[in-house]
Amino acid sequence: MTGDETAGVAIEPGLERIVRLGVLWCAVAPAPGADRALDAPLAEAVGAARGGDVADTSAARALYRAIGVDPTKTRPSSEALLRRVRRGGPFPRINALADIANWCSLQTQLPYGLYDAAAIRPPLVLRRGGPGDAYAGIRKDAVRLDGRLALFDALGPFGNPTSDSARTMTRAATRDVLVAVFAPAAVPRERMARVLDMTSARLAEYAGGAETRRWIS
């Protein structure tokens, strides 16, 4: 594996030429009413997306093609959200933490993963899934990972650029989160740093967030 092992991240050899991964760890303490505070900025973001004011979908699609997945059949979570709101569907309101991650993903058109850090058992590894690798999705059947990009910890897989696992989903009691942003390797580190800056700032403003560390491949 390659990567910064001290930060709890490793990448399967060869994937570093395909994937740019940004990881953010934050302590959070959403205040009462945090969801309502997001009403206005989320409505503005949805209006902008419907008007075409978002990043294009090419980066996430390029990542999927590079790992052998047809993005028109299995869509990146960022593009699936964009298609939903452009068709007139509502922005999916879940909780302040998930809403912030989805807001950032909608605007950047990069797939986000949001996890309860307390449910993760190091080491953290990004690799392709093998035969039999799967996890229970959030409000979904089993998410199968054979040949697909996925995050693993000591307990097994828990997230990929399409959908996250029920095991590590955030809840009302979540106080530490791990945010992962997936992009093709061609995305500059500087862009990924700006994406993490924006995410950290929004977690701070709307969820009492305090960044504890970050890592970019």
Protein backbone atom coordinates (compact mmCIF):
# COMPACT_ATOMS: atom_id res chain seq x y z
CA MET A 1 0.00 0.00 0.00
CA THR A 2 1.00 3.60 -0.51
CA GLY A 3 -0.09 6.67 1.39
CA ASP A 4 0.38 8.35 4.73
CA GLU A 5 0.03 5.41 7.11
CA THR A 6 0.32 7.68 10.17
CA ALA A 7 -2.88 9.42 9.08
CA GLY A 8 -4.64 6.07 8.85
CA VAL A 9 -4.85 6.02 5.05
CA ALA A 10 -3.35 3.58 2.56
CA ILE A 11 -3.98 3.18 -1.17
CA GLU A 12 -3.78 -0.02 -3.18
CA PRO A 13 -0.72 0.05 -5.47
CA GLY A 14 -1.65 1.41 -8.88
CA LEU A 15 -4.74 3.26 -7.69
CA GLU A 16 -2.70 6.37 -6.93
CA ARG A 17 -2.48 6.84 -10.73
CA ILE A 18 -6.28 6.70 -10.95
CA VAL A 19 -7.70 8.27 -7.80
CA ARG A 20 -7.23 11.52 -5.88
CA LEU A 21 -8.66 11.05 -2.39
CA GLY A 22 -9.22 13.83 0.12
CA VAL A 23 -10.03 12.94 3.72
CA LEU A 24 -11.17 15.30 6.46
CA TRP A 25 -11.63 14.48 10.14
CA CYS A 26 -13.80 16.84 12.20
CA ALA A 27 -15.24 16.98 15.69
CA VAL A 28 -18.83 18.19 15.40
CA ALA A 29 -21.57 19.44 17.72
CA PRO A 30 -24.66 20.43 15.72
CA ALA A 31 -26.73 22.91 17.71
CA PRO A 32 -30.53 22.71 18.01
CA GLY A 33 -31.96 24.26 14.87
CA ALA A 34 -28.89 23.47 12.74
CA ASP A 35 -31.13 21.87 10.13
CA ARG A 36 -33.27 25.03 9.87
CA ALA A 37 -30.16 27.20 9.52
CA LEU A 38 -29.37 25.25 6.34
CA ASP A 39 -32.74 25.93 4.71
CA ALA A 40 -31.72 29.13 2.93
CA PRO A 41 -28.25 28.10 1.65
CA LEU A 42 -29.57 24.74 0.46
CA ALA A 43 -32.47 26.39 -1.37
CA GLU A 44 -29.96 28.74 -3.02
CA ALA A 45 -27.72 25.81 -3.99
CA VAL A 46 -30.63 23.92 -5.53
CA GLY A 47 -31.67 27.00 -7.50
CA ALA A 48 -28.12 27.45 -8.77
CA ALA A 49 -27.88 23.78 -9.77
CA ARG A 50 -31.14 23.99 -11.70
CA GLY A 51 -29.75 27.07 -13.43
CA GLY A 52 -26.53 25.31 -14.40
CA ASP A 53 -24.25 26.94 -11.84
CA VAL A 54 -22.33 23.86 -10.66
CA ALA A 55 -19.14 22.11 -11.67
CA ASP A 56 -19.59 19.74 -14.59
CA THR A 57 -19.87 16.00 -14.09
CA SER A 58 -16.82 15.05 -16.15
CA ALA A 59 -14.40 14.53 -13.24
CA ALA A 60 -16.55 11.97 -11.43
CA ARG A 61 -17.40 10.24 -14.70
CA ALA A 62 -13.70 10.05 -15.59
CA LEU A 63 -12.99 8.39 -12.24
CA TYR A 64 -15.67 5.77 -12.82
CA ARG A 65 -14.46 5.00 -16.33
CA ALA A 66 -10.87 4.69 -15.07
CA ILE A 67 -11.91 1.96 -12.65
CA GLY A 68 -14.01 0.16 -15.24
CA VAL A 69 -17.48 1.30 -14.18
CA ASP A 70 -19.97 2.76 -16.67
CA PRO A 71 -21.11 6.04 -15.04
CA THR A 72 -24.33 6.03 -17.05
CA LYS A 73 -25.37 2.76 -15.39
CA THR A 74 -23.88 3.21 -11.91
CA ARG A 75 -23.85 6.94 -11.32
CA PRO A 76 -21.53 8.83 -8.97
CA SER A 77 -23.51 10.04 -5.95
CA SER A 78 -22.78 13.66 -6.92
CA GLU A 79 -24.32 13.27 -10.37
CA ALA A 80 -27.29 11.31 -9.04
CA LEU A 81 -28.06 14.20 -6.68
CA LEU A 82 -27.70 16.77 -9.47
CA ARG A 83 -30.05 14.83 -11.75
CA ARG A 84 -32.58 14.57 -8.93
CA VAL A 85 -32.78 18.31 -8.26
CA ARG A 86 -32.72 19.23 -11.95
CA ARG A 87 -35.74 17.01 -12.49
CA GLY A 88 -37.57 19.01 -9.85
CA GLY A 89 -37.06 16.59 -7.00
CA PRO A 90 -36.40 17.90 -3.49
CA PHE A 91 -32.95 18.13 -2.00
CA PRO A 92 -32.78 15.10 0.36
CA ARG A 93 -32.82 16.44 3.92
CA ILE A 94 -31.38 13.91 6.38
CA ASN A 95 -29.53 15.72 9.17
CA ALA A 96 -27.21 18.72 9.34
CA LEU A 97 -24.07 16.64 8.75
CA ALA A 98 -25.40 14.71 5.77
CA ASP A 99 -27.03 17.84 4.33
CA ILE A 100 -23.70 19.70 4.42
CA ALA A 101 -21.88 16.84 2.68
CA ASN A 102 -24.58 16.62 0.01
CA TRP A 103 -24.50 20.41 -0.46
CA CYS A 104 -20.74 20.31 -1.06
CA SER A 105 -21.06 17.32 -3.38
CA LEU A 106 -23.80 18.99 -5.41
CA GLN A 107 -21.72 22.11 -6.00
CA THR A 108 -18.35 20.45 -6.66
CA GLN A 109 -19.78 17.47 -8.56
CA LEU A 110 -17.38 15.18 -6.71
CA PRO A 111 -18.66 12.14 -4.82
CA TYR A 112 -18.55 12.51 -1.03
CA GLY A 113 -18.56 9.88 1.67
CA LEU A 114 -19.67 10.85 5.18
CA TYR A 115 -18.98 8.51 8.09
CA ASP A 116 -19.25 8.37 11.86
CA ALA A 117 -15.56 8.21 12.75
CA ALA A 118 -16.32 6.39 16.01
CA ALA A 119 -17.65 3.45 13.97
CA ILE A 120 -14.43 3.10 11.96
CA ARG A 121 -11.62 0.80 13.08
CA PRO A 122 -8.19 1.64 11.61
CA PRO A 123 -6.34 1.00 9.41
CA LEU A 124 -8.22 2.83 6.66
CA VAL A 125 -7.57 1.52 3.14
CA LEU A 126 -8.74 2.52 -0.32
CA ARG A 127 -8.74 -0.46 -2.68
CA ARG A 128 -10.77 -2.38 -5.21
CA GLY A 129 -13.30 -4.77 -3.77
CA GLY A 130 -12.88 -8.49 -4.32
CA PRO A 131 -15.38 -11.32 -4.82
CA GLY A 132 -17.79 -11.39 -1.90
CA ASP A 133 -16.96 -7.88 -0.67
CA ALA A 134 -20.20 -6.06 0.14
CA TYR A 135 -21.94 -4.06 2.85
CA ALA A 136 -25.44 -3.17 3.90
CA GLY A 137 -26.31 0.14 2.28
CA ILE A 138 -28.26 2.99 3.81
CA ARG A 139 -31.91 2.24 3.02
CA LYS A 140 -30.66 -0.12 0.30
CA ASP A 141 -29.95 -3.78 -0.28
CA ALA A 142 -26.38 -5.06 -0.12
CA VAL A 143 -23.89 -2.89 -2.02
CA ARG A 144 -21.61 -5.26 -3.93
CA LEU A 145 -18.04 -4.15 -4.52
CA ASP A 146 -16.29 -6.73 -6.68
CA GLY A 147 -13.86 -4.77 -8.86
CA ARG A 148 -15.12 -1.42 -7.58
CA LEU A 149 -13.37 1.29 -5.64
CA ALA A 150 -14.13 1.16 -1.91
CA LEU A 151 -12.96 2.24 1.52
CA PHE A 152 -12.18 -0.52 4.02
CA ASP A 153 -11.33 -0.56 7.70
CA ALA A 154 -10.43 -3.45 10.02
CA LEU A 155 -14.07 -4.56 10.03
CA GLY A 156 -14.49 -4.56 6.25
CA PRO A 157 -15.80 -2.23 3.54
CA PHE A 158 -17.89 0.79 4.49
CA GLY A 159 -18.11 3.25 1.61
CA ASN A 160 -17.59 3.97 -2.07
CA PRO A 161 -18.26 6.88 -4.45
CA THR A 162 -21.83 5.70 -5.09
CA SER A 163 -23.23 4.85 -1.66
CA ASP A 164 -22.23 4.53 2.00
CA SER A 165 -22.83 1.77 4.53
CA ALA A 166 -25.38 1.56 7.31
CA ARG A 167 -22.60 0.55 9.72
CA THR A 168 -20.80 3.89 9.57
CA MET A 169 -23.69 6.26 8.83
CA THR A 170 -23.95 9.43 10.91
CA ARG A 171 -26.63 9.67 13.58
CA ALA A 172 -27.91 12.26 16.04
CA ALA A 173 -25.26 11.14 18.54
CA THR A 174 -22.36 11.44 16.08
CA ARG A 175 -19.63 13.72 17.41
CA ASP A 176 -16.71 12.89 15.13
CA VAL A 177 -16.98 12.56 11.38
CA LEU A 178 -14.74 11.42 8.58
CA VAL A 179 -15.46 12.98 5.19
CA ALA A 180 -13.97 11.41 2.07
CA VAL A 181 -13.97 13.12 -1.34
CA PHE A 182 -13.28 10.99 -4.43
CA ALA A 183 -11.81 12.41 -7.64
CA PRO A 184 -9.70 11.25 -10.57
CA ALA A 185 -5.95 11.61 -10.12
CA ALA A 186 -5.93 14.38 -12.75
CA VAL A 187 -7.67 16.71 -10.28
CA PRO A 188 -4.89 18.88 -8.81
CA ARG A 189 -4.10 18.62 -5.11
CA GLU A 190 -4.74 22.36 -4.91
CA ARG A 191 -8.34 21.89 -6.05
CA MET A 192 -8.85 19.09 -3.55
CA ALA A 193 -7.44 21.31 -0.81
CA ARG A 194 -9.96 24.03 -1.71
CA VAL A 195 -12.77 21.47 -1.64
CA LEU A 196 -11.73 20.35 1.85
CA ASP A 197 -11.40 23.99 2.96
CA MET A 198 -15.00 24.65 1.89
CA THR A 199 -16.26 21.48 3.56
CA SER A 200 -14.44 22.25 6.80
CA ALA A 201 -15.77 25.81 6.83
CA ARG A 202 -19.37 24.67 6.32
CA LEU A 203 -19.08 22.04 9.04
CA ALA A 204 -17.74 24.75 11.35
CA GLU A 205 -20.50 27.25 10.52
CA TYR A 206 -23.49 24.92 10.52
CA ALA A 207 -22.46 21.95 12.71
CA GLY A 208 -20.05 23.32 15.30
CA GLY A 209 -17.23 21.58 13.46
CA ALA A 210 -13.57 21.73 14.38
CA GLU A 211 -11.18 20.13 11.88
CA THR A 212 -8.70 17.80 13.57
CA ARG A 213 -6.71 16.62 10.56
CA ARG A 214 -6.82 16.06 6.82
CA TRP A 215 -5.09 13.96 4.20
CA ILE A 216 -4.85 14.27 0.41
CA SER A 217 -3.36 11.55 -1.75
